[in-house]
Amino acid sequence: MAYDPQANRRRPKPAEKDPAPVDALLGDEPTGPSVAPTVEDPPPGPGVTPTPADPVPDSWVLSTGMGAAVGAIIGLVTLRWLWKRSRRSSVAE
């Protein structure tokens, strides 16, 4: 019985003659023929770090930021104009 972190119970202690279940998971050689070898995924190869993509040019970052700022200002002015217009129409009634 292998260790299950999801289960809230203790696993039984292995007998002295039997290898611990963790030993089978770690890849130790079984001591007796009664223990079947486990089939596991092969160990991962050496880590390969992918090359990073080319960074965005600073001019694009600046122009996008300026465009967002201008769009935000236009949006705020439009909302203010609509809010004042709705207040004028409700006061006139």
PDB file of N, CA and C in Angstrom:
ATOM      1  N   MET A   1       0.850  -1.169   0.000  1.00  0.00           N
ATOM      2  CA  MET A   1       0.000   0.000   0.000  1.00  0.00           C
ATOM      3  C   MET A   1       0.897   1.233   0.000  1.00  0.00           C
ATOM      4  N   ALA A   2       0.826   2.037  -1.039  1.00  0.00           N
ATOM      5  CA  ALA A   2       1.682   3.211  -1.158  1.00  0.00           C
ATOM      6  C   ALA A   2       1.103   4.378  -0.373  1.00  0.00           C
ATOM      7  N   TYR A   3       1.947   5.326  -0.060  1.00  0.00           N
ATOM      8  CA  TYR A   3       1.521   6.510   0.686  1.00  0.00           C
ATOM      9  C   TYR A   3       0.597   7.360  -0.175  1.00  0.00           C
ATOM     10  N   ASP A   4      -0.526   7.727   0.383  1.00  0.00           N
ATOM     11  CA  ASP A   4      -1.499   8.554  -0.320  1.00  0.00           C
ATOM     12  C   ASP A   4      -1.690   9.838   0.476  1.00  0.00           C
ATOM     13  N   PRO A   5      -1.179  10.987  -0.016  1.00  0.00           N
ATOM     14  CA  PRO A   5      -1.314  12.223   0.758  1.00  0.00           C
ATOM     15  C   PRO A   5      -2.759  12.681   0.880  1.00  0.00           C
ATOM     16  N   GLN A   6      -3.640  12.215  -0.005  1.00  0.00           N
ATOM     17  CA  GLN A   6      -5.048  12.600   0.063  1.00  0.00           C
ATOM     18  C   GLN A   6      -5.765  11.875   1.192  1.00  0.00           C
ATOM     19  N   ALA A   7      -5.303  10.691   1.508  1.00  0.00           N
ATOM     20  CA  ALA A   7      -5.977   9.905   2.539  1.00  0.00           C
ATOM     21  C   ALA A   7      -5.520  10.372   3.916  1.00  0.00           C
ATOM     22  N   ASN A   8      -6.441  10.383   4.831  1.00  0.00           N
ATOM     23  CA  ASN A   8      -6.124  10.820   6.186  1.00  0.00           C
ATOM     24  C   ASN A   8      -6.006   9.591   7.088  1.00  0.00           C
ATOM     25  N   ARG A   9      -5.095   8.720   6.747  1.00  0.00           N
ATOM     26  CA  ARG A   9      -4.898   7.512   7.541  1.00  0.00           C
ATOM     27  C   ARG A   9      -3.438   7.087   7.412  1.00  0.00           C
ATOM     28  N   ARG A  10      -3.018   6.296   8.349  1.00  0.00           N
ATOM     29  CA  ARG A  10      -1.641   5.808   8.334  1.00  0.00           C
ATOM     30  C   ARG A  10      -1.562   4.512   7.535  1.00  0.00           C
ATOM     31  N   ARG A  11      -0.443   4.313   6.883  1.00  0.00           N
ATOM     32  CA  ARG A  11      -0.258   3.054   6.175  1.00  0.00           C
ATOM     33  C   ARG A  11       0.313   2.026   7.137  1.00  0.00           C
ATOM     34  N   PRO A  12       0.072   0.764   6.880  1.00  0.00           N
ATOM     35  CA  PRO A  12       0.596  -0.263   7.793  1.00  0.00           C
ATOM     36  C   PRO A  12       2.116  -0.344   7.688  1.00  0.00           C
ATOM     37  N   LYS A  13       2.734  -0.676   8.802  1.00  0.00           N
ATOM     38  CA  LYS A  13       4.186  -0.837   8.800  1.00  0.00           C
ATOM     39  C   LYS A  13       4.535  -2.121   8.059  1.00  0.00           C
ATOM     40  N   PRO A  14       5.572  -2.098   7.235  1.00  0.00           N
ATOM     41  CA  PRO A  14       5.959  -3.326   6.537  1.00  0.00           C
ATOM     42  C   PRO A  14       6.631  -4.293   7.506  1.00  0.00           C
ATOM     43  N   ALA A  15       6.503  -5.547   7.170  1.00  0.00           N
ATOM     44  CA  ALA A  15       7.171  -6.572   7.984  1.00  0.00           C
ATOM     45  C   ALA A  15       8.676  -6.440   7.787  1.00  0.00           C
ATOM     46  N   GLU A  16       9.435  -6.986   8.682  1.00  0.00           N
ATOM     47  CA  GLU A  16      10.892  -6.861   8.619  1.00  0.00           C
ATOM     48  C   GLU A  16      11.464  -7.510   7.360  1.00  0.00           C
ATOM     49  N   LYS A  17      10.856  -8.613   6.913  1.00  0.00           N
ATOM     50  CA  LYS A  17      11.426  -9.307   5.761  1.00  0.00           C
ATOM     51  C   LYS A  17      11.005  -8.682   4.431  1.00  0.00           C
ATOM     52  N   ASP A  18       9.887  -7.965   4.408  1.00  0.00           N
ATOM     53  CA  ASP A  18       9.416  -7.349   3.169  1.00  0.00           C
ATOM     54  C   ASP A  18       9.984  -5.934   3.039  1.00  0.00           C
ATOM     55  N   PRO A  19      10.297  -5.517   1.815  1.00  0.00           N
ATOM     56  CA  PRO A  19      10.755  -4.139   1.644  1.00  0.00           C
ATOM     57  C   PRO A  19       9.580  -3.166   1.818  1.00  0.00           C
ATOM     58  N   ALA A  20       9.886  -1.991   2.229  1.00  0.00           N
ATOM     59  CA  ALA A  20       8.847  -0.974   2.403  1.00  0.00           C
ATOM     60  C   ALA A  20       8.272  -0.604   1.040  1.00  0.00           C
ATOM     61  N   PRO A  21       6.985  -0.276   0.974  1.00  0.00           N
ATOM     62  CA  PRO A  21       6.395   0.100  -0.314  1.00  0.00           C
ATOM     63  C   PRO A  21       7.097   1.292  -0.951  1.00  0.00           C
ATOM     64  N   VAL A  22       7.658   2.168  -0.141  1.00  0.00           N
ATOM     65  CA  VAL A  22       8.343   3.332  -0.698  1.00  0.00           C
ATOM     66  C   VAL A  22       9.588   2.906  -1.452  1.00  0.00           C
ATOM     67  N   ASP A  23      10.234   1.835  -0.996  1.00  0.00           N
ATOM     68  CA  ASP A  23      11.427   1.365  -1.679  1.00  0.00           C
ATOM     69  C   ASP A  23      11.119   0.970  -3.116  1.00  0.00           C
ATOM     70  N   ALA A  24       9.967   0.387  -3.349  1.00  0.00           N
ATOM     71  CA  ALA A  24       9.593   0.004  -4.709  1.00  0.00           C
ATOM     72  C   ALA A  24       9.384   1.246  -5.566  1.00  0.00           C
ATOM     73  N   LEU A  25       8.854   2.296  -4.964  1.00  0.00           N
ATOM     74  CA  LEU A  25       8.642   3.525  -5.723  1.00  0.00           C
ATOM     75  C   LEU A  25       9.955   4.234  -6.026  1.00  0.00           C
ATOM     76  N   LEU A  26      10.930   4.082  -5.156  1.00  0.00           N
ATOM     77  CA  LEU A  26      12.209   4.744  -5.361  1.00  0.00           C
ATOM     78  C   LEU A  26      13.105   4.001  -6.342  1.00  0.00           C
ATOM     79  N   GLY A  27      12.695   2.823  -6.749  1.00  0.00           N
ATOM     80  CA  GLY A  27      13.461   2.089  -7.743  1.00  0.00           C
ATOM     81  C   GLY A  27      14.508   1.169  -7.159  1.00  0.00           C
ATOM     82  N   ASP A  28      14.466   0.875  -5.863  1.00  0.00           N
ATOM     83  CA  ASP A  28      15.408  -0.076  -5.280  1.00  0.00           C
ATOM     84  C   ASP A  28      15.078  -1.477  -5.794  1.00  0.00           C
ATOM     85  N   GLU A  29      16.101  -2.284  -5.877  1.00  0.00           N
ATOM     86  CA  GLU A  29      15.894  -3.650  -6.338  1.00  0.00           C
ATOM     87  C   GLU A  29      15.110  -4.432  -5.289  1.00  0.00           C
ATOM     88  N   PRO A  30      14.103  -5.193  -5.708  1.00  0.00           N
ATOM     89  CA  PRO A  30      13.363  -5.998  -4.730  1.00  0.00           C
ATOM     90  C   PRO A  30      14.253  -7.116  -4.193  1.00  0.00           C
ATOM     91  N   THR A  31      14.023  -7.448  -2.946  1.00  0.00           N
ATOM     92  CA  THR A  31      14.851  -8.485  -2.321  1.00  0.00           C
ATOM     93  C   THR A  31      14.334  -9.879  -2.597  1.00  0.00           C
ATOM     94  N   GLY A  32      13.061 -10.011  -2.923  1.00  0.00           N
ATOM     95  CA  GLY A  32      12.501 -11.334  -3.143  1.00  0.00           C
ATOM     96  C   GLY A  32      11.809 -11.416  -4.495  1.00  0.00           C
ATOM     97  N   PRO A  33      11.616 -12.659  -4.994  1.00  0.00           N
ATOM     98  CA  PRO A  33      10.946 -12.809  -6.287  1.00  0.00           C
ATOM     99  C   PRO A  33       9.448 -12.516  -6.203  1.00  0.00           C
ATOM    100  N   SER A  34       8.894 -12.412  -4.997  1.00  0.00           N
ATOM    101  CA  SER A  34       7.455 -12.185  -4.880  1.00  0.00           C
ATOM    102  C   SER A  34       7.070 -10.745  -5.218  1.00  0.00           C
ATOM    103  N   VAL A  35       8.035  -9.845  -5.197  1.00  0.00           N
ATOM    104  CA  VAL A  35       7.739  -8.439  -5.477  1.00  0.00           C
ATOM    105  C   VAL A  35       7.926  -8.197  -6.970  1.00  0.00           C
ATOM    106  N   ALA A  36       6.863  -7.787  -7.636  1.00  0.00           N
ATOM    107  CA  ALA A  36       6.936  -7.527  -9.072  1.00  0.00           C
ATOM    108  C   ALA A  36       7.603  -6.174  -9.313  1.00  0.00           C
ATOM    109  N   PRO A  37       8.436  -6.099 -10.326  1.00  0.00           N
ATOM    110  CA  PRO A  37       9.056  -4.800 -10.615  1.00  0.00           C
ATOM    111  C   PRO A  37       7.992  -3.803 -11.092  1.00  0.00           C
ATOM    112  N   THR A  38       8.176  -2.571 -10.706  1.00  0.00           N
ATOM    113  CA  THR A  38       7.213  -1.539 -11.091  1.00  0.00           C
ATOM    114  C   THR A  38       7.633  -0.914 -12.405  1.00  0.00           C
ATOM    115  N   VAL A  39       6.641  -0.534 -13.191  1.00  0.00           N
ATOM    116  CA  VAL A  39       6.904   0.147 -14.454  1.00  0.00           C
ATOM    117  C   VAL A  39       6.623   1.621 -14.222  1.00  0.00           C
ATOM    118  N   GLU A  40       7.642   2.419 -14.403  1.00  0.00           N
ATOM    119  CA  GLU A  40       7.502   3.850 -14.172  1.00  0.00           C
ATOM    120  C   GLU A  40       7.916   4.610 -15.419  1.00  0.00           C
ATOM    121  N   ASP A  41       7.626   5.874 -15.426  1.00  0.00           N
ATOM    122  CA  ASP A  41       8.101   6.721 -16.509  1.00  0.00           C
ATOM    123  C   ASP A  41       9.619   6.816 -16.422  1.00  0.00           C
ATOM    124  N   PRO A  42      10.269   6.933 -17.561  1.00  0.00           N
ATOM    125  CA  PRO A  42      11.726   7.080 -17.504  1.00  0.00           C
ATOM    126  C   PRO A  42      12.079   8.406 -16.831  1.00  0.00           C
ATOM    127  N   PRO A  43      13.236   8.479 -16.236  1.00  0.00           N
ATOM    128  CA  PRO A  43      13.606   9.735 -15.582  1.00  0.00           C
ATOM    129  C   PRO A  43      13.703  10.857 -16.612  1.00  0.00           C
ATOM    130  N   PRO A  44      13.376  12.057 -16.208  1.00  0.00           N
ATOM    131  CA  PRO A  44      13.430  13.160 -17.175  1.00  0.00           C
ATOM    132  C   PRO A  44      14.861  13.439 -17.606  1.00  0.00           C
ATOM    133  N   GLY A  45      14.988  13.851 -18.832  1.00  0.00           N
ATOM    134  CA  GLY A  45      16.305  14.180 -19.355  1.00  0.00           C
ATOM    135  C   GLY A  45      16.777  15.508 -18.795  1.00  0.00           C
ATOM    136  N   PRO A  46      17.941  15.935 -19.200  1.00  0.00           N
ATOM    137  CA  PRO A  46      18.425  17.223 -18.702  1.00  0.00           C
ATOM    138  C   PRO A  46      17.490  18.340 -19.162  1.00  0.00           C
ATOM    139  N   GLY A  47      17.299  19.299 -18.300  1.00  0.00           N
ATOM    140  CA  GLY A  47      16.380  20.392 -18.600  1.00  0.00           C
ATOM    141  C   GLY A  47      16.878  21.239 -19.749  1.00  0.00           C
ATOM    142  N   VAL A  48      15.980  21.533 -20.660  1.00  0.00           N
ATOM    143  CA  VAL A  48      16.311  22.385 -21.793  1.00  0.00           C
ATOM    144  C   VAL A  48      15.511  23.665 -21.639  1.00  0.00           C
ATOM    145  N   THR A  49      16.195  24.760 -21.512  1.00  0.00           N
ATOM    146  CA  THR A  49      15.520  26.042 -21.384  1.00  0.00           C
ATOM    147  C   THR A  49      15.282  26.600 -22.777  1.00  0.00           C
ATOM    148  N   PRO A  50      14.024  26.864 -23.130  1.00  0.00           N
ATOM    149  CA  PRO A  50      13.775  27.416 -24.463  1.00  0.00           C
ATOM    150  C   PRO A  50      14.315  28.842 -24.555  1.00  0.00           C
ATOM    151  N   THR A  51      14.714  29.202 -25.746  1.00  0.00           N
ATOM    152  CA  THR A  51      15.214  30.568 -25.927  1.00  0.00           C
ATOM    153  C   THR A  51      14.037  31.530 -25.840  1.00  0.00           C
ATOM    154  N   PRO A  52      14.204  32.640 -25.160  1.00  0.00           N
ATOM    155  CA  PRO A  52      13.092  33.578 -25.034  1.00  0.00           C
ATOM    156  C   PRO A  52      12.792  34.252 -26.368  1.00  0.00           C
ATOM    157  N   ALA A  53      11.554  34.664 -26.517  1.00  0.00           N
ATOM    158  CA  ALA A  53      11.157  35.356 -27.742  1.00  0.00           C
ATOM    159  C   ALA A  53      11.799  36.737 -27.759  1.00  0.00           C
ATOM    160  N   ASP A  54      11.858  37.307 -28.935  1.00  0.00           N
ATOM    161  CA  ASP A  54      12.409  38.658 -29.047  1.00  0.00           C
ATOM    162  C   ASP A  54      11.531  39.622 -28.272  1.00  0.00           C
ATOM    163  N   PRO A  55      12.124  40.483 -27.457  1.00  0.00           N
ATOM    164  CA  PRO A  55      11.304  41.428 -26.693  1.00  0.00           C
ATOM    165  C   PRO A  55      10.664  42.462 -27.613  1.00  0.00           C
ATOM    166  N   VAL A  56       9.563  43.002 -27.146  1.00  0.00           N
ATOM    167  CA  VAL A  56       8.860  44.029 -27.915  1.00  0.00           C
ATOM    168  C   VAL A  56       9.698  45.298 -27.880  1.00  0.00           C
ATOM    169  N   PRO A  57       9.832  45.989 -29.007  1.00  0.00           N
ATOM    170  CA  PRO A  57      10.612  47.235 -28.999  1.00  0.00           C
ATOM    171  C   PRO A  57       9.996  48.278 -28.071  1.00  0.00           C
ATOM    172  N   ASP A  58      10.857  49.116 -27.501  1.00  0.00           N
ATOM    173  CA  ASP A  58      10.390  50.144 -26.574  1.00  0.00           C
ATOM    174  C   ASP A  58       9.434  51.122 -27.244  1.00  0.00           C
ATOM    175  N   SER A  59       9.623  51.370 -28.522  1.00  0.00           N
ATOM    176  CA  SER A  59       8.733  52.316 -29.208  1.00  0.00           C
ATOM    177  C   SER A  59       7.304  51.777 -29.249  1.00  0.00           C
ATOM    178  N   TRP A  60       7.162  50.455 -29.391  1.00  0.00           N
ATOM    179  CA  TRP A  60       5.816  49.872 -29.390  1.00  0.00           C
ATOM    180  C   TRP A  60       5.178  49.998 -28.017  1.00  0.00           C
ATOM    181  N   VAL A  61       5.972  49.770 -26.979  1.00  0.00           N
ATOM    182  CA  VAL A  61       5.446  49.877 -25.618  1.00  0.00           C
ATOM    183  C   VAL A  61       5.004  51.309 -25.349  1.00  0.00           C
ATOM    184  N   LEU A  62       5.828  52.271 -25.754  1.00  0.00           N
ATOM    185  CA  LEU A  62       5.506  53.678 -25.536  1.00  0.00           C
ATOM    186  C   LEU A  62       4.267  54.085 -26.324  1.00  0.00           C
ATOM    187  N   SER A  63       4.198  53.689 -27.598  1.00  0.00           N
ATOM    188  CA  SER A  63       3.046  54.090 -28.410  1.00  0.00           C
ATOM    189  C   SER A  63       1.766  53.415 -27.920  1.00  0.00           C
ATOM    190  N   THR A  64       1.858  52.179 -27.460  1.00  0.00           N
ATOM    191  CA  THR A  64       0.667  51.507 -26.939  1.00  0.00           C
ATOM    192  C   THR A  64       0.212  52.155 -25.645  1.00  0.00           C
ATOM    193  N   GLY A  65       1.154  52.523 -24.793  1.00  0.00           N
ATOM    194  CA  GLY A  65       0.808  53.205 -23.548  1.00  0.00           C
ATOM    195  C   GLY A  65       0.179  54.559 -23.802  1.00  0.00           C
ATOM    196  N   MET A  66       0.721  55.284 -24.758  1.00  0.00           N
ATOM    197  CA  MET A  66       0.145  56.597 -25.095  1.00  0.00           C
ATOM    198  C   MET A  66      -1.256  56.424 -25.682  1.00  0.00           C
ATOM    199  N   GLY A  67      -1.435  55.443 -26.520  1.00  0.00           N
ATOM    200  CA  GLY A  67      -2.765  55.192 -27.091  1.00  0.00           C
ATOM    201  C   GLY A  67      -3.774  54.825 -26.021  1.00  0.00           C
ATOM    202  N   ALA A  68      -3.352  54.017 -25.055  1.00  0.00           N
ATOM    203  CA  ALA A  68      -4.254  53.644 -23.964  1.00  0.00           C
ATOM    204  C   ALA A  68      -4.601  54.855 -23.113  1.00  0.00           C
ATOM    205  N   ALA A  69      -3.627  55.726 -22.867  1.00  0.00           N
ATOM    206  CA  ALA A  69      -3.891  56.929 -22.070  1.00  0.00           C
ATOM    207  C   ALA A  69      -4.857  57.859 -22.789  1.00  0.00           C
ATOM    208  N   VAL A  70      -4.651  58.066 -24.080  1.00  0.00           N
ATOM    209  CA  VAL A  70      -5.558  58.931 -24.855  1.00  0.00           C
ATOM    210  C   VAL A  70      -6.954  58.323 -24.885  1.00  0.00           C
ATOM    211  N   GLY A  71      -7.045  57.019 -25.070  1.00  0.00           N
ATOM    212  CA  GLY A  71      -8.352  56.358 -25.068  1.00  0.00           C
ATOM    213  C   GLY A  71      -9.054  56.484 -23.732  1.00  0.00           C
ATOM    214  N   ALA A  72      -8.301  56.382 -22.638  1.00  0.00           N
ATOM    215  CA  ALA A  72      -8.900  56.528 -21.307  1.00  0.00           C
ATOM    216  C   ALA A  72      -9.408  57.945 -21.093  1.00  0.00           C
ATOM    217  N   ILE A  73      -8.639  58.935 -21.527  1.00  0.00           N
ATOM    218  CA  ILE A  73      -9.078  60.334 -21.375  1.00  0.00           C
ATOM    219  C   ILE A  73     -10.335  60.589 -22.196  1.00  0.00           C
ATOM    220  N   ILE A  74     -10.368  60.114 -23.430  1.00  0.00           N
ATOM    221  CA  ILE A  74     -11.558  60.294 -24.272  1.00  0.00           C
ATOM    222  C   ILE A  74     -12.754  59.601 -23.635  1.00  0.00           C
ATOM    223  N   GLY A  75     -12.552  58.410 -23.100  1.00  0.00           N
ATOM    224  CA  GLY A  75     -13.646  57.692 -22.445  1.00  0.00           C
ATOM    225  C   GLY A  75     -14.166  58.427 -21.228  1.00  0.00           C
ATOM    226  N   LEU A  76     -13.271  58.968 -20.405  1.00  0.00           N
ATOM    227  CA  LEU A  76     -13.707  59.713 -19.221  1.00  0.00           C
ATOM    228  C   LEU A  76     -14.445  60.991 -19.591  1.00  0.00           C
ATOM    229  N   VAL A  77     -13.951  61.702 -20.594  1.00  0.00           N
ATOM    230  CA  VAL A  77     -14.632  62.931 -21.034  1.00  0.00           C
ATOM    231  C   VAL A  77     -16.013  62.592 -21.581  1.00  0.00           C
ATOM    232  N   THR A  78     -16.128  61.506 -22.323  1.00  0.00           N
ATOM    233  CA  THR A  78     -17.430  61.103 -22.863  1.00  0.00           C
ATOM    234  C   THR A  78     -18.384  60.722 -21.737  1.00  0.00           C
ATOM    235  N   LEU A  79     -17.915  59.962 -20.762  1.00  0.00           N
ATOM    236  CA  LEU A  79     -18.780  59.600 -19.632  1.00  0.00           C
ATOM    237  C   LEU A  79     -19.214  60.832 -18.844  1.00  0.00           C
ATOM    238  N   ARG A  80     -18.299  61.783 -18.654  1.00  0.00           N
ATOM    239  CA  ARG A  80     -18.652  63.015 -17.935  1.00  0.00           C
ATOM    240  C   ARG A  80     -19.716  63.792 -18.705  1.00  0.00           C
ATOM    241  N   TRP A  81     -19.551  63.874 -20.035  1.00  0.00           N
ATOM    242  CA  TRP A  81     -20.516  64.599 -20.866  1.00  0.00           C
ATOM    243  C   TRP A  81     -21.890  63.926 -20.797  1.00  0.00           C
ATOM    244  N   LEU A  82     -21.921  62.583 -20.867  1.00  0.00           N
ATOM    245  CA  LEU A  82     -23.199  61.867 -20.779  1.00  0.00           C
ATOM    246  C   LEU A  82     -23.833  62.042 -19.400  1.00  0.00           C
ATOM    247  N   TRP A  83     -23.026  62.020 -18.356  1.00  0.00           N
ATOM    248  CA  TRP A  83     -23.548  62.176 -16.996  1.00  0.00           C
ATOM    249  C   TRP A  83     -24.147  63.569 -16.813  1.00  0.00           C
ATOM    250  N   LYS A  84     -23.440  64.603 -17.295  1.00  0.00           N
ATOM    251  CA  LYS A  84     -23.974  65.969 -17.174  1.00  0.00           C
ATOM    252  C   LYS A  84     -25.247  66.125 -18.006  1.00  0.00           C
ATOM    253  N   ARG A  85     -25.276  65.517 -19.178  1.00  0.00           N
ATOM    254  CA  ARG A  85     -26.461  65.614 -20.036  1.00  0.00           C
ATOM    255  C   ARG A  85     -27.659  64.957 -19.368  1.00  0.00           C
ATOM    256  N   SER A  86     -27.434  63.804 -18.727  1.00  0.00           N
ATOM    257  CA  SER A  86     -28.556  63.121 -18.068  1.00  0.00           C
ATOM    258  C   SER A  86     -29.022  63.908 -16.844  1.00  0.00           C
ATOM    259  N   ARG A  87     -28.112  64.591 -16.161  1.00  0.00           N
ATOM    260  CA  ARG A  87     -28.520  65.406 -15.004  1.00  0.00           C
ATOM    261  C   ARG A  87     -29.333  66.616 -15.452  1.00  0.00           C
ATOM    262  N   ARG A  88     -28.940  67.236 -16.585  1.00  0.00           N
ATOM    263  CA  ARG A  88     -29.692  68.391 -17.094  1.00  0.00           C
ATOM    264  C   ARG A  88     -31.103  67.990 -17.493  1.00  0.00           C
ATOM    265  N   SER A  89     -31.219  66.822 -18.111  1.00  0.00           N
ATOM    266  CA  SER A  89     -32.551  66.404 -18.564  1.00  0.00           C
ATOM    267  C   SER A  89     -33.433  66.023 -17.380  1.00  0.00           C
ATOM    268  N   SER A  90     -32.853  65.485 -16.306  1.00  0.00           N
ATOM    269  CA  SER A  90     -33.674  65.120 -15.148  1.00  0.00           C
ATOM    270  C   SER A  90     -34.047  66.355 -14.328  1.00  0.00           C
ATOM    271  N   VAL A  91     -33.229  67.404 -14.314  1.00  0.00           N
ATOM    272  CA  VAL A  91     -33.538  68.637 -13.584  1.00  0.00           C
ATOM    273  C   VAL A  91     -34.601  69.429 -14.331  1.00  0.00           C
ATOM    274  N   ALA A  92     -34.593  69.386 -15.663  1.00  0.00           N
ATOM    275  CA  ALA A  92     -35.549  70.154 -16.467  1.00  0.00           C
ATOM    276  C   ALA A  92     -36.962  69.604 -16.333  1.00  0.00           C
ATOM    277  N   GLU A  93     -37.107  68.367 -15.974  1.00  0.00           N
ATOM    278  CA  GLU A  93     -38.447  67.776 -15.882  1.00  0.00           C
ATOM    279  C   GLU A  93     -39.149  68.179 -14.682  1.00  0.00           C
TER     280      GLU A  93
END
